């Protein structure tokens, strides 16, 4: 018989002490409940980390796409603009 993960989590309405007492009444090792809860916490932490890494990758992709859309000014084009504006001012 399996152990329900929600019953192991007091913050989600479970009763961890009750599960341990049930294990003891059935002559099953109480350490099993502790081990299962530890493995579940480790799994959720790694799953949330993976989700975070995925979010970071999405943001990086969006930033890369946004920077490609913006026109870049090269030094030569900025020099040309300043030369043109000087010529206009000189001709007036």
Protein backbone atom coordinates (compact mmCIF):
# COMPACT_ATOMS: atom_id res chain seq x y z
CA UNK A 1 0.00 0.00 0.00
CA UNK A 2 1.35 3.41 -0.96
CA UNK A 3 1.65 6.57 1.08
CA UNK A 4 -0.28 9.60 -0.17
CA UNK A 5 2.08 12.56 -0.57
CA UNK A 6 -0.56 15.05 0.55
CA UNK A 7 -0.95 13.19 3.85
CA UNK A 8 2.76 13.70 4.52
CA UNK A 9 2.59 17.48 4.16
CA UNK A 10 1.14 19.31 7.15
CA UNK A 11 1.08 22.61 5.24
CA UNK A 12 -1.22 21.05 2.60
CA UNK A 13 -3.76 19.65 5.04
CA UNK A 14 -1.99 16.38 5.74
CA UNK A 15 -1.15 14.71 9.02
CA UNK A 16 2.46 13.53 9.05
CA UNK A 17 2.28 12.34 12.65
CA UNK A 18 -0.85 10.35 11.82
CA UNK A 19 0.93 8.64 8.93
CA UNK A 20 3.83 7.74 11.22
CA UNK A 21 1.39 6.36 13.81
CA UNK A 22 -0.34 4.32 11.09
CA UNK A 23 2.99 2.93 9.95
CA UNK A 24 3.78 1.93 13.55
CA UNK A 25 0.38 0.20 13.99
CA UNK A 26 0.97 -1.84 10.82
CA UNK A 27 4.46 -2.79 12.00
CA UNK A 28 5.90 -0.94 9.01
CA UNK A 29 9.00 1.21 9.37
CA UNK A 30 8.27 4.84 10.28
CA UNK A 31 11.46 5.84 8.51
CA UNK A 32 9.72 5.08 5.23
CA UNK A 33 7.44 8.10 5.72
CA UNK A 34 10.43 10.31 6.49
CA UNK A 35 12.31 9.01 3.44
CA UNK A 36 9.36 9.51 1.10
CA UNK A 37 8.83 13.07 2.34
CA UNK A 38 12.54 13.88 1.93
CA UNK A 39 12.58 12.49 -1.61
CA UNK A 40 9.42 14.45 -2.50
CA UNK A 41 10.89 17.70 -1.17
CA UNK A 42 14.10 17.12 -3.14
CA UNK A 43 12.11 16.37 -6.29
CA UNK A 44 9.93 19.49 -5.98
CA UNK A 45 13.02 21.63 -5.36
CA UNK A 46 14.72 20.29 -8.50
CA UNK A 47 11.49 20.63 -10.50
CA UNK A 48 11.10 24.26 -9.45
CA UNK A 49 14.76 24.88 -10.29
CA UNK A 50 14.19 23.40 -13.74
CA UNK A 51 11.17 25.65 -14.19
CA UNK A 52 13.28 28.64 -13.15
CA UNK A 53 16.02 27.69 -15.63
CA UNK A 54 13.37 27.40 -18.35
CA UNK A 55 12.04 30.87 -17.50
CA UNK A 56 15.54 32.32 -17.68
CA UNK A 57 16.09 30.71 -21.09
CA UNK A 58 12.83 32.21 -22.38
CA UNK A 59 13.80 35.69 -21.17
CA UNK A 60 17.26 35.38 -22.73
CA UNK A 61 15.68 34.39 -26.04
CA UNK A 62 13.32 37.37 -25.90
CA UNK A 63 16.20 39.72 -25.14
CA UNK A 64 18.19 38.35 -28.07
CA UNK A 65 15.25 38.82 -30.43
CA UNK A 66 14.63 42.36 -29.15
CA UNK A 67 18.24 43.42 -29.63
CA UNK A 68 18.21 42.11 -33.19
CA UNK A 69 15.22 44.28 -34.05
CA UNK A 70 16.87 47.54 -33.00
CA UNK A 71 19.00 49.20 -35.67
CA UNK A 72 22.59 49.61 -34.67
CA UNK A 73 24.56 52.76 -35.41
CA UNK A 74 28.01 52.11 -36.71
CA UNK A 75 30.71 54.75 -36.27
CA UNK A 76 30.89 55.31 -40.02
CA UNK A 77 27.18 56.15 -40.32
CA UNK A 78 27.38 58.57 -37.41
CA UNK A 79 30.39 60.28 -39.05
CA UNK A 80 28.45 60.64 -42.28
CA UNK A 81 25.59 62.27 -40.48
CA UNK A 82 27.81 64.77 -38.79
CA UNK A 83 29.56 65.60 -42.10
CA UNK A 84 26.22 66.15 -43.83
CA UNK A 85 24.97 68.41 -41.09
CA UNK A 86 28.22 70.43 -41.23
CA UNK A 87 27.81 70.86 -44.98
CA UNK A 88 24.27 72.08 -44.55
CA UNK A 89 25.33 74.58 -41.94
CA UNK A 90 28.25 75.76 -44.09
CA UNK A 91 26.04 76.27 -47.15
CA UNK A 92 23.61 78.55 -45.32
